Amino acid sequence: MTDILVRVIDAYIFRQTEDGLKFLLMKRAETKIYEHLWQGVAGKIEAGETAPEAAIRELKEETGFDPIRMFVADHVSKFYESFGDRMNLVPVFGIEVDRKNITISEEHCEFKWVNFETAKDTLVWKGQKEGITAVNDMQISNDDRIKWSQINLNSIGTKPIK
């Protein structure tokens, strides 16, 4: 029987600018699987870690940023891996930061801040496009989804970065 796992997270990082929201995209290094794929922050949930804790840890490891605001997106990505015969459910987060200067990790070779349309056109996987769309829609909407989905950053216990 196929297992269903929640073992990775996706997070779409954005900042407010005079020209509207800008999203951070990073290109995977050629030494990594899916080399040269553009993505947001993504990574595995470590043992004993919650999905929001993993998102914050990955944010810090991959960018050097601390979040100023974070919410659960109105979307869960999913994909099947033939290796291991498993279905993956991927929680998606929106994370706001307050600066543009990134400390890029060795996992990535390039980054750019772009508007939503460019970000959506640059991302390859359907789950990525749906995830960033959910984050953008929630950010620009006038409804209460953000309020209901907001994560209290003071209540999240994160592990120190390695």
Protein backbone atom coordinates (compact mmCIF):
# COMPACT_ATOMS: atom_id res chain seq x y z
CA MET A 1 0.00 0.00 0.00
CA THR A 2 1.22 3.52 -0.80
CA ASP A 3 2.22 5.61 2.24
CA ILE A 4 1.14 9.24 2.58
CA LEU A 5 3.84 11.42 4.12
CA VAL A 6 4.24 15.00 5.24
CA ARG A 7 8.02 15.23 5.08
CA VAL A 8 8.76 18.50 3.26
CA ILE A 9 7.55 22.10 3.25
CA ASP A 10 7.29 24.86 0.66
CA ALA A 11 7.43 28.53 1.60
CA TYR A 12 7.05 31.56 -0.62
CA ILE A 13 9.00 34.53 0.65
CA PHE A 14 7.80 38.04 -0.11
CA ARG A 15 8.42 41.64 0.84
CA GLN A 16 6.43 44.83 0.45
CA THR A 17 7.85 47.40 -1.98
CA GLU A 18 6.64 50.66 -3.50
CA ASP A 19 5.95 48.63 -6.66
CA GLY A 20 3.88 46.01 -4.83
CA LEU A 21 4.76 42.55 -3.55
CA LYS A 22 8.06 41.04 -4.63
CA PHE A 23 8.65 37.30 -4.32
CA LEU A 24 12.02 35.65 -3.80
CA LEU A 25 12.97 32.91 -6.25
CA MET A 26 16.20 30.94 -5.99
CA LYS A 27 17.84 28.72 -8.58
CA ARG A 28 19.08 25.36 -7.35
CA ALA A 29 22.81 24.74 -7.70
CA GLU A 30 23.99 22.23 -10.28
CA THR A 31 25.27 20.01 -7.44
CA LYS A 32 21.68 19.44 -6.25
CA ILE A 33 18.85 17.29 -7.54
CA TYR A 34 16.65 19.31 -9.93
CA GLU A 35 19.62 21.53 -10.73
CA HIS A 36 18.75 24.98 -12.08
CA LEU A 37 15.11 24.68 -10.98
CA TRP A 38 13.72 27.96 -9.67
CA GLN A 39 11.92 27.63 -6.35
CA GLY A 40 10.95 29.32 -3.14
CA VAL A 41 12.26 28.05 0.17
CA ALA A 42 11.77 24.31 0.45
CA GLY A 43 13.10 21.51 2.56
CA LYS A 44 12.65 18.46 4.70
CA ILE A 45 10.98 18.41 8.09
CA GLU A 46 13.53 17.08 10.57
CA ALA A 47 12.74 14.60 13.36
CA GLY A 48 10.90 16.29 16.22
CA GLU A 49 10.19 19.39 14.16
CA THR A 50 6.81 20.82 13.15
CA ALA A 51 6.17 22.03 9.61
CA PRO A 52 6.25 25.74 10.65
CA GLU A 53 9.51 25.16 12.53
CA ALA A 54 10.98 23.52 9.42
CA ALA A 55 9.87 26.46 7.26
CA ILE A 56 11.57 28.98 9.55
CA ARG A 57 14.74 26.88 9.83
CA GLU A 58 14.91 26.46 6.04
CA LEU A 59 14.28 30.20 5.58
CA LYS A 60 17.25 31.00 7.83
CA GLU A 61 19.52 28.34 6.30
CA GLU A 62 18.76 29.22 2.68
CA THR A 63 18.49 33.03 2.93
CA GLY A 64 19.72 34.31 6.29
CA PHE A 65 16.31 35.97 6.82
CA ASP A 66 14.20 36.08 9.95
CA PRO A 67 10.45 36.15 9.27
CA ILE A 68 8.46 39.21 10.32
CA ARG A 69 5.14 37.53 9.53
CA MET A 70 4.11 34.03 8.54
CA PHE A 71 0.88 32.30 7.60
CA VAL A 72 -0.35 28.92 6.44
CA ALA A 73 -1.37 29.17 2.78
CA ASP A 74 -4.79 28.07 1.66
CA HIS A 75 -3.17 25.22 -0.30
CA VAL A 76 -1.43 21.89 0.26
CA SER A 77 0.81 20.71 -2.57
CA LYS A 78 0.99 17.04 -3.39
CA PHE A 79 3.21 14.82 -5.47
CA TYR A 80 3.93 11.15 -5.99
CA GLU A 81 7.43 9.68 -5.75
CA SER A 82 7.95 6.37 -7.53
CA PHE A 83 11.06 5.87 -5.39
CA GLY A 84 9.54 4.53 -2.19
CA ASP A 85 6.06 4.40 -3.76
CA ARG A 86 4.84 7.33 -1.68
CA MET A 87 2.40 10.19 -1.89
CA ASN A 88 3.68 13.43 -0.38
CA LEU A 89 1.52 16.18 1.07
CA VAL A 90 3.39 19.48 1.31
CA PRO A 91 2.25 22.28 3.64
CA VAL A 92 2.71 25.69 2.03
CA PHE A 93 3.56 28.88 3.93
CA GLY A 94 3.72 32.57 3.11
CA ILE A 95 6.58 34.34 4.86
CA GLU A 96 7.11 38.09 4.85
CA VAL A 97 10.59 39.56 5.30
CA ASP A 98 11.63 43.19 5.62
CA ARG A 99 14.83 43.37 3.61
CA LYS A 100 16.03 42.32 0.17
CA ASN A 101 19.67 41.44 0.81
CA ILE A 102 19.92 37.68 0.95
CA THR A 103 22.70 35.43 2.23
CA ILE A 104 22.33 32.67 -0.36
CA SER A 105 23.24 29.15 0.69
CA GLU A 106 25.28 26.63 -1.28
CA GLU A 107 22.01 24.90 -2.24
CA HIS A 108 21.36 27.73 -4.69
CA CYS A 109 23.47 29.55 -7.26
CA GLU A 110 21.28 32.55 -8.07
CA PHE A 111 18.30 34.49 -6.75
CA LYS A 112 15.93 37.23 -7.85
CA TRP A 113 13.06 39.29 -6.47
CA VAL A 114 10.16 39.37 -8.92
CA ASN A 115 6.50 40.29 -9.10
CA PHE A 116 3.84 37.61 -8.78
CA GLU A 117 3.24 37.09 -12.51
CA THR A 118 6.96 36.64 -13.23
CA ALA A 119 7.30 34.30 -10.27
CA LYS A 120 4.37 32.17 -11.39
CA ASP A 121 5.71 32.04 -14.97
CA THR A 122 9.21 31.09 -13.75
CA LEU A 123 8.14 28.25 -11.46
CA VAL A 124 7.88 24.89 -13.23
CA TRP A 125 5.81 22.50 -11.14
CA LYS A 126 2.03 22.81 -10.91
CA GLY A 127 2.23 22.59 -7.10
CA GLN A 128 4.66 25.53 -7.04
CA LYS A 129 2.38 27.64 -9.23
CA GLU A 130 -0.65 26.79 -7.08
CA GLY A 131 1.28 27.40 -3.85
CA ILE A 132 2.56 30.85 -4.79
CA THR A 133 -0.87 31.74 -6.17
CA ALA A 134 -2.46 30.85 -2.83
CA VAL A 135 0.11 32.95 -0.95
CA ASN A 136 -0.39 35.93 -3.29
CA ASP A 137 -4.19 35.67 -3.19
CA MET A 138 -4.24 35.54 0.59
CA GLN A 139 -1.85 38.48 0.85
CA ILE A 140 -3.86 40.77 -1.44
CA SER A 141 -7.35 39.67 -0.43
CA ASN A 142 -9.59 41.60 1.88
CA ASP A 143 -10.87 38.55 3.73
CA ASP A 144 -9.95 37.02 7.09
CA ARG A 145 -7.92 34.03 5.83
CA ILE A 146 -4.63 35.67 6.84
CA LYS A 147 -5.93 36.41 10.33
CA TRP A 148 -7.14 32.83 10.77
CA SER A 149 -3.95 31.36 9.27
CA GLN A 150 -1.39 33.62 10.96
CA ILE A 151 1.37 31.80 12.83
CA ASN A 152 2.47 33.30 16.13
CA LEU A 153 6.23 33.52 15.60
CA ASN A 154 6.81 33.94 19.34
CA SER A 155 5.30 30.53 20.01
CA ILE A 156 7.47 28.63 17.54
CA GLY A 157 10.44 26.87 19.03
CA THR A 158 13.11 26.58 16.36
CA LYS A 159 16.30 24.62 16.61
CA PRO A 160 19.60 26.47 16.24
CA ILE A 161 20.95 26.55 12.69
CA LYS A 162 23.73 24.07 12.02
